[in-house]
Protein backbone atom coordinates (compact mmCIF):
# COMPACT_ATOMS: atom_id res chain seq x y z
CA UNK A 1 112.71 33.48 64.50
CA UNK A 2 109.40 31.67 65.14
CA UNK A 3 109.13 32.77 68.80
CA UNK A 4 106.49 35.47 68.32
CA UNK A 5 104.57 33.34 65.85
CA UNK A 6 104.05 30.60 68.45
CA UNK A 7 103.96 32.85 71.52
CA UNK A 8 107.34 31.81 72.93
CA UNK A 9 109.77 33.91 74.95
CA UNK A 10 112.81 31.83 73.92
CA UNK A 11 113.86 28.74 71.98
CA UNK A 12 112.29 25.70 73.67
CA UNK A 13 114.37 23.03 71.96
CA UNK A 14 117.99 24.14 72.14
CA UNK A 15 120.40 21.22 72.44
CA UNK A 16 122.47 22.93 75.15
CA UNK A 17 121.72 21.11 78.44
CA UNK A 18 120.03 23.96 80.34
CA UNK A 19 118.85 22.74 83.75
CA UNK A 20 115.90 25.16 83.63
CA UNK A 21 114.49 22.68 81.10
CA UNK A 22 115.06 19.64 83.32
CA UNK A 23 112.19 17.14 82.99
CA UNK A 24 111.61 14.31 85.45
CA UNK A 25 109.93 12.04 82.91
CA UNK A 26 111.36 8.81 81.56
CA UNK A 27 112.54 7.86 85.06
CA UNK A 28 114.98 10.79 85.02
CA UNK A 29 113.63 12.01 88.35
CA UNK A 30 114.13 8.58 89.92
CA UNK A 31 117.66 8.38 88.55
CA UNK A 32 118.50 11.80 89.93
CA UNK A 33 117.28 10.71 93.35
CA UNK A 34 119.32 7.49 93.15
CA UNK A 35 122.45 9.41 92.20
CA UNK A 36 122.01 11.90 95.01
CA UNK A 37 121.61 9.01 97.45
CA UNK A 38 124.74 7.28 96.12
CA UNK A 39 126.77 10.47 96.47
CA UNK A 40 125.35 10.97 99.93
CA UNK A 41 126.77 7.58 100.91
CA UNK A 42 130.18 8.78 99.75
CA UNK A 43 131.62 5.42 98.72
CA UNK A 44 132.33 3.58 95.50
CA UNK A 45 132.28 4.66 91.88
CA UNK A 46 128.96 5.51 90.24
CA UNK A 47 128.30 4.78 86.55
CA UNK A 48 125.61 6.16 84.21
CA UNK A 49 125.38 4.75 80.68
CA UNK A 50 123.20 6.04 77.86
CA UNK A 51 123.15 6.37 74.10
CA UNK A 52 124.43 9.48 72.34
CA UNK A 53 121.92 12.26 72.92
CA UNK A 54 119.98 10.45 75.64
CA UNK A 55 120.44 13.27 78.18
CA UNK A 56 123.56 12.31 80.14
CA UNK A 57 124.99 15.84 80.24
CA UNK A 58 121.65 17.29 81.36
CA UNK A 59 121.48 14.69 84.14
CA UNK A 60 125.07 15.43 85.13
CA UNK A 61 124.46 19.19 85.33
CA UNK A 62 121.20 18.80 87.21
CA UNK A 63 122.88 16.45 89.67
CA UNK A 64 125.77 18.85 90.27
CA UNK A 65 123.36 21.76 90.76
CA UNK A 66 121.19 19.83 93.22
CA UNK A 67 123.94 18.60 95.56
CA UNK A 68 124.22 20.01 99.10
CA UNK A 69 126.43 23.04 99.61
CA UNK A 70 128.90 20.87 101.53
CA UNK A 71 129.81 18.95 98.38
CA UNK A 72 132.24 20.46 95.86
CA UNK A 73 131.95 19.20 92.29
CA UNK A 74 134.68 18.87 89.69
CA UNK A 75 133.80 18.43 86.02
CA UNK A 76 135.99 16.53 83.53
CA UNK A 77 134.59 16.68 80.01
CA UNK A 78 137.65 15.90 77.90
CA UNK A 79 138.36 12.16 77.61
CA UNK A 80 141.73 12.75 75.94
CA UNK A 81 143.38 14.05 79.12
CA UNK A 82 146.24 11.91 80.39
CA UNK A 83 146.82 11.23 84.08
CA UNK A 84 148.95 14.35 84.65
CA UNK A 85 146.46 16.63 82.89
CA UNK A 86 143.59 15.01 84.78
CA UNK A 87 145.30 15.87 88.06
CA UNK A 88 145.92 19.41 86.85
CA UNK A 89 142.28 19.80 85.81
CA UNK A 90 140.99 18.56 89.17
CA UNK A 91 143.37 20.83 91.07
CA UNK A 92 142.38 23.80 88.90
CA UNK A 93 138.68 23.24 89.58
CA UNK A 94 139.49 23.11 93.30
CA UNK A 95 141.32 26.42 93.16
CA UNK A 96 144.97 25.44 92.62
CA UNK A 97 146.23 27.71 89.85
CA UNK A 98 149.79 26.35 89.77
CA UNK A 99 149.91 22.54 89.99
CA UNK A 100 153.20 20.92 90.97
CA UNK A 101 155.47 19.80 88.09
CA UNK A 102 155.39 16.03 88.76
CA UNK A 103 152.56 13.55 89.11
CA UNK A 104 153.60 12.46 92.57
CA UNK A 105 153.75 16.06 93.75
CA UNK A 106 150.32 16.76 92.26
CA UNK A 107 148.90 13.74 94.05
CA UNK A 108 150.34 15.09 97.28
CA UNK A 109 148.77 18.48 96.53
CA UNK A 110 145.40 16.86 95.91
CA UNK A 111 145.58 14.72 99.03
CA UNK A 112 146.44 17.75 101.20
CA UNK A 113 143.59 19.72 99.67
CA UNK A 114 141.09 16.90 100.17
CA UNK A 115 142.14 16.38 103.78
CA UNK A 116 141.62 20.07 104.48
CA UNK A 117 138.15 20.00 102.97
CA UNK A 118 137.29 16.83 104.88
CA UNK A 119 138.34 18.51 108.11
CA UNK A 120 136.03 21.41 107.23
CA UNK A 121 133.11 19.02 106.70
CA UNK A 122 133.23 19.10 102.92
CA UNK A 123 133.50 16.39 100.27
CA UNK A 124 134.57 16.37 96.60
CA UNK A 125 132.84 14.58 93.72
CA UNK A 126 134.39 14.31 90.24
CA UNK A 127 131.96 14.06 87.31
CA UNK A 128 133.57 12.43 84.26
CA UNK A 129 131.77 12.75 80.93
CA UNK A 130 132.49 10.83 77.71
CA UNK A 131 134.07 8.15 79.89
CA UNK A 132 133.86 5.61 77.05
CA UNK A 133 136.66 7.55 75.32
CA UNK A 134 139.12 7.30 78.20
CA UNK A 135 142.00 4.84 77.65
CA UNK A 136 142.16 1.90 80.05
CA UNK A 137 145.28 3.18 81.79
CA UNK A 138 143.60 6.49 82.54
CA UNK A 139 140.45 4.77 83.79
CA UNK A 140 142.63 2.77 86.14
CA UNK A 141 144.28 6.00 87.29
CA UNK A 142 140.84 7.39 88.17
CA UNK A 143 140.25 4.31 90.30
CA UNK A 144 143.52 4.93 92.12
CA UNK A 145 142.32 8.43 93.00
CA UNK A 146 139.51 6.85 95.01
CA UNK A 147 142.18 5.31 97.26
CA UNK A 148 142.72 8.75 98.80
CA UNK A 149 141.01 8.34 102.15
CA UNK A 150 141.10 8.79 105.90
CA UNK A 151 140.74 5.93 108.36
CA UNK A 152 136.96 6.10 108.00
CA UNK A 153 136.03 8.04 104.86
CA UNK A 154 136.82 8.30 101.18
CA UNK A 155 138.09 11.74 100.23
CA UNK A 156 137.06 11.63 96.58
CA UNK A 157 134.09 10.10 94.77
CA UNK A 158 133.82 9.59 91.02
CA UNK A 159 130.72 9.51 88.80
CA UNK A 160 131.27 8.18 85.26
CA UNK A 161 128.93 9.18 82.41
CA UNK A 162 129.43 7.32 79.16
CA UNK A 163 127.98 5.69 76.09
CA UNK A 164 127.32 1.91 75.97
CA UNK A 165 130.91 1.36 74.85
CA UNK A 166 131.91 2.15 78.43
CA UNK A 167 130.44 -1.17 79.56
CA UNK A 168 132.56 -2.91 76.94
CA UNK A 169 135.67 -1.25 78.32
CA UNK A 170 134.78 -2.12 81.89
CA UNK A 171 134.47 -5.78 80.90
CA UNK A 172 138.21 -5.82 80.15
CA UNK A 173 139.90 -7.98 82.82
CA UNK A 174 142.79 -5.51 83.04
CA UNK A 175 140.57 -3.05 84.89
CA UNK A 176 138.45 -5.51 86.85
CA UNK A 177 139.37 -3.70 90.06
CA UNK A 178 137.65 -0.58 88.78
CA UNK A 179 134.53 -2.53 87.87
CA UNK A 180 134.45 -4.01 91.37
CA UNK A 181 134.43 -0.49 92.82
CA UNK A 182 131.21 0.44 90.98
CA UNK A 183 128.47 0.45 93.58
CA UNK A 184 125.69 2.04 91.51
CA UNK A 185 125.13 1.40 87.80
CA UNK A 186 122.29 3.18 85.97
CA UNK A 187 121.01 2.93 82.41
CA UNK A 188 119.54 6.02 80.77
CA UNK A 189 116.86 4.62 78.46
CA UNK A 190 115.21 6.43 75.51
CA UNK A 191 111.82 8.05 76.12
CA UNK A 192 108.65 6.20 75.23
CA UNK A 193 106.09 7.77 72.90
CA UNK A 194 103.95 9.01 75.81
CA UNK A 195 107.05 10.37 77.53
CA UNK A 196 108.05 12.23 74.36
CA UNK A 197 104.72 14.05 74.42
CA UNK A 198 105.18 15.01 78.07
CA UNK A 199 108.75 16.13 77.32
CA UNK A 200 107.64 18.40 74.46
CA UNK A 201 104.87 20.01 76.51
CA UNK A 202 107.17 20.55 79.50
CA UNK A 203 109.82 22.34 77.43
CA UNK A 204 107.24 24.49 75.67
CA UNK A 205 105.85 25.55 79.05
CA UNK A 206 109.29 26.61 80.29
CA UNK A 207 109.75 28.62 77.08
CA UNK A 208 106.55 30.53 77.82
CA UNK A 209 104.02 28.76 75.60
CA UNK A 210 100.45 29.01 76.93
CA UNK A 211 98.32 27.99 73.96
CA UNK A 212 96.64 24.74 72.93
CA UNK A 213 98.72 21.60 72.45
CA UNK A 214 101.11 22.25 69.56
CA UNK A 215 102.12 18.62 69.09
CA UNK A 216 99.08 16.40 68.46
CA UNK A 217 99.39 12.61 68.96
CA UNK A 218 100.20 11.87 65.31
CA UNK A 219 103.06 14.39 65.37
CA UNK A 220 104.35 13.02 68.68
CA UNK A 221 104.30 9.51 67.21
CA UNK A 222 106.31 10.68 64.19
CA UNK A 223 108.82 12.48 66.42
CA UNK A 224 109.23 9.39 68.58
CA UNK A 225 109.68 7.13 65.58
CA UNK A 226 112.29 9.35 63.95
CA UNK A 227 114.18 10.30 67.11
CA UNK A 228 114.23 6.87 68.74
CA UNK A 229 113.23 8.62 71.98
CA UNK A 230 116.63 10.33 72.33
CA UNK A 231 116.23 13.81 73.78
CA UNK A 232 118.82 15.54 71.60
CA UNK A 233 117.22 14.23 68.43
CA UNK A 234 113.80 15.17 69.77
CA UNK A 235 115.04 18.72 70.30
CA UNK A 236 116.51 18.98 66.80
CA UNK A 237 113.40 17.56 65.14
CA UNK A 238 110.94 19.58 67.24
CA UNK A 239 112.80 22.81 66.48
CA UNK A 240 112.86 22.14 62.75
CA UNK A 241 109.21 21.01 62.82
CA UNK A 242 108.19 24.36 64.31
CA UNK A 243 110.33 26.07 61.67
CA UNK A 244 108.60 24.14 58.89
CA UNK A 245 105.20 25.16 60.22
CA UNK A 246 106.34 28.75 60.56
CA UNK A 247 107.59 28.75 56.96
CA UNK A 248 104.05 27.74 55.93
CA UNK A 249 102.47 30.24 58.35
CA UNK A 250 100.40 27.58 60.08
CA UNK A 251 99.96 26.74 63.76
CA UNK A 252 98.71 23.24 62.92
CA UNK A 253 101.65 20.82 62.99
CA UNK A 254 101.36 17.59 60.99
CA UNK A 255 103.49 14.46 60.55
CA UNK A 256 104.50 15.83 57.15
CA UNK A 257 106.16 18.77 58.91
CA UNK A 258 108.11 16.25 60.99
CA UNK A 259 109.18 14.34 57.89
CA UNK A 260 110.39 17.58 56.30
CA UNK A 261 112.30 18.36 59.48
CA UNK A 262 113.86 14.89 59.48
CA UNK A 263 115.00 15.33 55.89
CA UNK A 264 116.61 18.65 56.72
CA UNK A 265 118.33 17.13 59.76
CA UNK A 266 119.39 14.09 57.70
CA UNK A 267 117.65 11.67 60.05
CA UNK A 268 116.42 8.53 58.35
CA UNK A 269 113.12 7.05 59.36
CA UNK A 270 112.87 3.33 60.03
CA UNK A 271 109.44 3.31 58.39
CA UNK A 272 108.35 4.35 54.88
CA UNK A 273 108.12 8.14 54.56
CA UNK A 274 104.70 9.72 54.78
CA UNK A 275 103.29 11.22 51.60
CA UNK A 276 104.08 14.91 51.35
CA UNK A 277 101.20 17.03 50.06
CA UNK A 278 101.90 19.95 47.77
CA UNK A 279 101.75 23.01 49.96
CA UNK A 280 103.55 26.30 50.20
CA UNK A 281 105.57 25.41 53.33
CA UNK A 282 107.46 22.60 51.63
CA UNK A 283 109.40 25.03 49.39
CA UNK A 284 110.63 22.15 47.18
CA UNK A 285 113.16 24.23 45.25
CA UNK A 286 115.18 25.35 48.26
CA UNK A 287 114.42 23.07 51.24
CA UNK A 288 113.93 23.87 54.91
CA UNK A 289 117.41 25.29 55.50
CA UNK A 290 116.96 27.80 52.71
CA UNK A 291 113.54 28.70 54.08
CA UNK A 292 115.28 29.56 57.31
CA UNK A 293 117.75 31.74 55.44
CA UNK A 294 115.06 33.61 53.51
CA UNK A 295 112.86 34.10 56.57
CA UNK A 296 115.50 35.39 58.94
CA UNK A 297 118.65 36.31 57.00
CA UNK A 298 121.68 34.28 56.12
CA UNK A 299 123.75 33.04 59.05
CA UNK A 300 126.75 32.86 56.74
CA UNK A 301 127.02 36.65 56.82
CA UNK A 302 128.50 36.36 60.30
CA UNK A 303 131.60 34.82 58.76
CA UNK A 304 132.20 38.02 56.82
CA UNK A 305 132.45 39.94 60.10
CA UNK A 306 134.87 37.45 61.66
CA UNK A 307 136.97 36.68 58.60
CA UNK A 308 140.69 36.13 59.03
CA UNK A 309 143.10 37.47 56.42
CA UNK A 310 144.00 34.82 53.87
CA UNK A 311 147.46 33.27 53.92
CA UNK A 312 149.25 32.20 50.72
CA UNK A 313 148.46 28.54 50.14
CA UNK A 314 152.07 27.58 49.47
CA UNK A 315 153.15 28.59 53.02
CA UNK A 316 150.44 26.71 54.86
CA UNK A 317 150.48 23.09 56.10
CA UNK A 318 148.18 20.89 54.09
CA UNK A 319 144.65 20.66 55.44
CA UNK A 320 142.00 18.14 54.47
CA UNK A 321 140.15 19.55 51.45
CA UNK A 322 137.07 21.48 52.47
CA UNK A 323 133.77 20.14 51.13
CA UNK A 324 131.69 22.43 48.98
CA UNK A 325 128.53 23.62 50.75
CA UNK A 326 125.18 23.28 49.04
CA UNK A 327 124.38 26.06 46.59
CA UNK A 328 122.24 28.78 48.15
CA UNK A 329 119.07 29.93 46.39
CA UNK A 330 119.46 32.79 43.95
CA UNK A 331 117.61 35.20 46.28
CA UNK A 332 120.32 34.82 48.94
CA UNK A 333 123.85 36.22 48.72
CA UNK A 334 126.00 33.52 50.33
CA UNK A 335 129.56 34.10 51.46
CA UNK A 336 131.96 32.55 48.92
CA UNK A 337 133.42 29.19 49.81
CA UNK A 338 136.85 30.79 49.59
CA UNK A 339 136.12 32.83 52.73
CA UNK A 340 135.88 29.73 54.88
CA UNK A 341 138.78 28.03 53.11
CA UNK A 342 140.97 31.10 53.62
CA UNK A 343 140.14 31.17 57.33
CA UNK A 344 140.95 27.48 57.62
CA UNK A 345 144.31 27.97 55.91
CA UNK A 346 145.12 30.96 58.11
CA UNK A 347 144.31 28.97 61.25
CA UNK A 348 146.41 26.04 60.05
CA UNK A 349 149.32 28.43 59.49
CA UNK A 350 148.91 29.79 63.01
CA UNK A 351 148.88 26.25 64.42
CA UNK A 352 152.16 25.53 62.68
CA UNK A 353 153.98 28.41 64.40
CA UNK A 354 152.22 28.97 67.76
CA UNK A 355 153.82 27.57 70.95
CA UNK A 356 152.79 23.95 71.50
CA UNK A 357 151.45 24.62 75.01
CA UNK A 358 149.12 27.41 73.83
CA UNK A 359 145.53 26.57 74.79
CA UNK A 360 142.35 27.32 72.83
CA UNK A 361 138.68 26.58 73.44
CA UNK A 362 136.90 24.47 70.84
CA UNK A 363 133.40 25.91 70.89
CA UNK A 364 131.77 23.54 68.42
CA UNK A 365 132.20 21.60 65.22
CA UNK A 366 130.11 20.93 62.13
CA UNK A 367 130.42 18.51 59.27
CA UNK A 368 129.91 21.14 56.55
CA UNK A 369 130.50 24.82 55.94
CA UNK A 370 126.83 25.74 56.17
CA UNK A 371 126.55 24.07 59.55
CA UNK A 372 129.64 25.91 60.79
CA UNK A 373 128.12 29.22 59.71
CA UNK A 374 124.86 28.49 61.53
CA UNK A 375 126.76 27.45 64.65
CA UNK A 376 128.80 30.64 64.56
CA UNK A 377 125.62 32.66 64.27
CA UNK A 378 124.12 30.89 67.30
CA UNK A 379 127.14 31.52 69.53
CA UNK A 380 127.02 34.40 71.99
CA UNK A 381 129.24 37.39 71.20
CA UNK A 382 130.58 37.18 74.74
CA UNK A 383 133.40 34.75 74.02
CA UNK A 384 137.21 34.92 74.02
CA UNK A 385 138.87 36.39 70.96
CA UNK A 386 140.12 35.76 68.39
CA UNK A 387 137.55 33.41 66.92
CA UNK A 388 139.10 31.04 64.40
CA UNK A 389 137.67 28.61 61.87
CA UNK A 390 139.62 25.42 61.14
CA UNK A 391 138.93 22.54 58.81
CA UNK A 392 140.55 19.22 59.76
CA UNK A 393 139.95 16.04 61.70
CA UNK A 394 137.72 16.08 64.79
CA UNK A 395 137.46 12.70 66.53
CA UNK A 396 138.93 11.18 63.37
CA UNK A 397 136.38 12.68 61.00
CA UNK A 398 136.59 15.76 58.72
CA UNK A 399 134.84 18.71 60.31
CA UNK A 400 134.73 22.50 60.54
CA UNK A 401 135.81 23.58 64.03
CA UNK A 402 135.16 26.90 65.75
CA UNK A 403 138.00 27.91 68.07
CA UNK A 404 138.04 30.79 70.54
CA UNK A 405 140.82 32.52 72.44
CA UNK A 406 144.56 32.08 72.70
CA UNK A 407 145.82 31.31 76.21
CA UNK A 408 149.39 30.81 77.44
CA UNK A 409 148.43 28.16 80.02
CA UNK A 410 145.66 25.80 81.07
CA UNK A 411 144.60 27.84 84.10
CA UNK A 412 143.73 30.97 82.11
CA UNK A 413 142.00 28.89 79.43
CA UNK A 414 139.97 27.02 82.05
CA UNK A 415 138.91 30.29 83.68
CA UNK A 416 137.66 31.56 80.30
CA UNK A 417 135.91 28.24 79.62
CA UNK A 418 133.96 28.48 82.88
CA UNK A 419 132.76 31.98 81.98
CA UNK A 420 131.29 30.96 78.63
CA UNK A 421 127.50 31.35 78.37
CA UNK A 422 125.33 28.41 77.39
CA UNK A 423 125.25 27.74 73.68
CA UNK A 424 123.10 25.64 71.40
CA UNK A 425 126.25 24.50 69.66
CA UNK A 426 127.31 21.89 72.16
CA UNK A 427 129.77 21.44 75.01
CA UNK A 428 133.05 23.43 74.59
CA UNK A 429 136.37 21.99 75.74
CA UNK A 430 140.06 22.88 75.87
CA UNK A 431 142.67 21.92 73.29
CA UNK A 432 146.40 22.59 72.97
CA UNK A 433 148.21 23.67 69.83
CA UNK A 434 150.65 20.78 70.12
CA UNK A 435 147.93 18.15 70.30
CA UNK A 436 145.96 19.73 67.47
CA UNK A 437 148.99 19.62 65.18
CA UNK A 438 149.08 15.85 65.45
CA UNK A 439 145.38 14.92 65.57
CA UNK A 440 143.57 17.72 63.71
CA UNK A 441 145.66 18.70 60.72
CA UNK A 442 145.43 16.13 57.95
CA UNK A 443 148.68 14.20 57.37
CA UNK A 444 150.68 14.65 54.22
């Protein structure tokens, strides 16, 4: 909504890892070169560790996009896959629509496929994200895949991307063989204050900004302090900072705008908050999120267009109670809480009766109803239908989840997943009805 106001052609600080916004600063360029060299050598396992939001997915995507045409990449983004599903996912990415029924047969399929590609002068690299969430047995299975080889060459190379907990897992003596196979280990560090400034200017330039520096040193310092130098947090704060300035109709950003943005994003500063002057952009009665709603319309209205018919509560499996969203200002007509709750109950009822091997795509999740509505508004309309809203447990925590599609098998779901456009909502992944019954719906 603030694009025209600041002379932008698009949103410069979306959290979706778009490689058009790749920035070499903070040693990212050097790391990319090191990873390309390691893959060029074709041996060993490569490991990249960084904090949540430090830019691992962006680095992974940039690396995959910059590899030679003779290298085929496979992407594994779901750490909950077991060994059999991992094999099926790799085979699917390599073009095998119908994997064999047993693990041994799938391994034979993969070996035959890799040998054929090796004979044609091609190699395969598997990128594994969220590797810290992979059980030890499955990590060991990934190591065993690197045993597929000819007399002179490895047929498969693996690159692990994970949070610092991955190093803790790799220290376990039960998988010491995997740790010994790691030939390159890189640490993705947070950006320094100077690097944050360069990062902001680079993204603004890609988004079409051609004016004077929007983020003066004091604002950059505040962004660095509040974000800890993590790129995802920088993006969230910078976006909300621009929104705060837009709400006040000023092109002069100040640290107070950043503090307002941090409050709206629920980021806590490690230093005492700056004094907030009385000015029209602060909108103390409604806050920054409500300012967004009044300036550009209420994202919640999207839920009205995608509502699912309510199901009687007595026939639906129990779902964790939905939290009440914050009250909207009087000037805004918000969708009743019941709309979201009804959709959640309807989705839970569908989960209880749908075939266990039915696949869906989880597009995104949010911790509250308002966040789910905003995420739904930000998603492209070009996505599989139906779109469902579910409230339950995501990674062990209560959350609103946005689900898309209904697929009879993994292959069709994976094909739809690969066709999804980039979204600011995060990285989508596949789920099965059977697994969601046990890990998403709250227990009785």
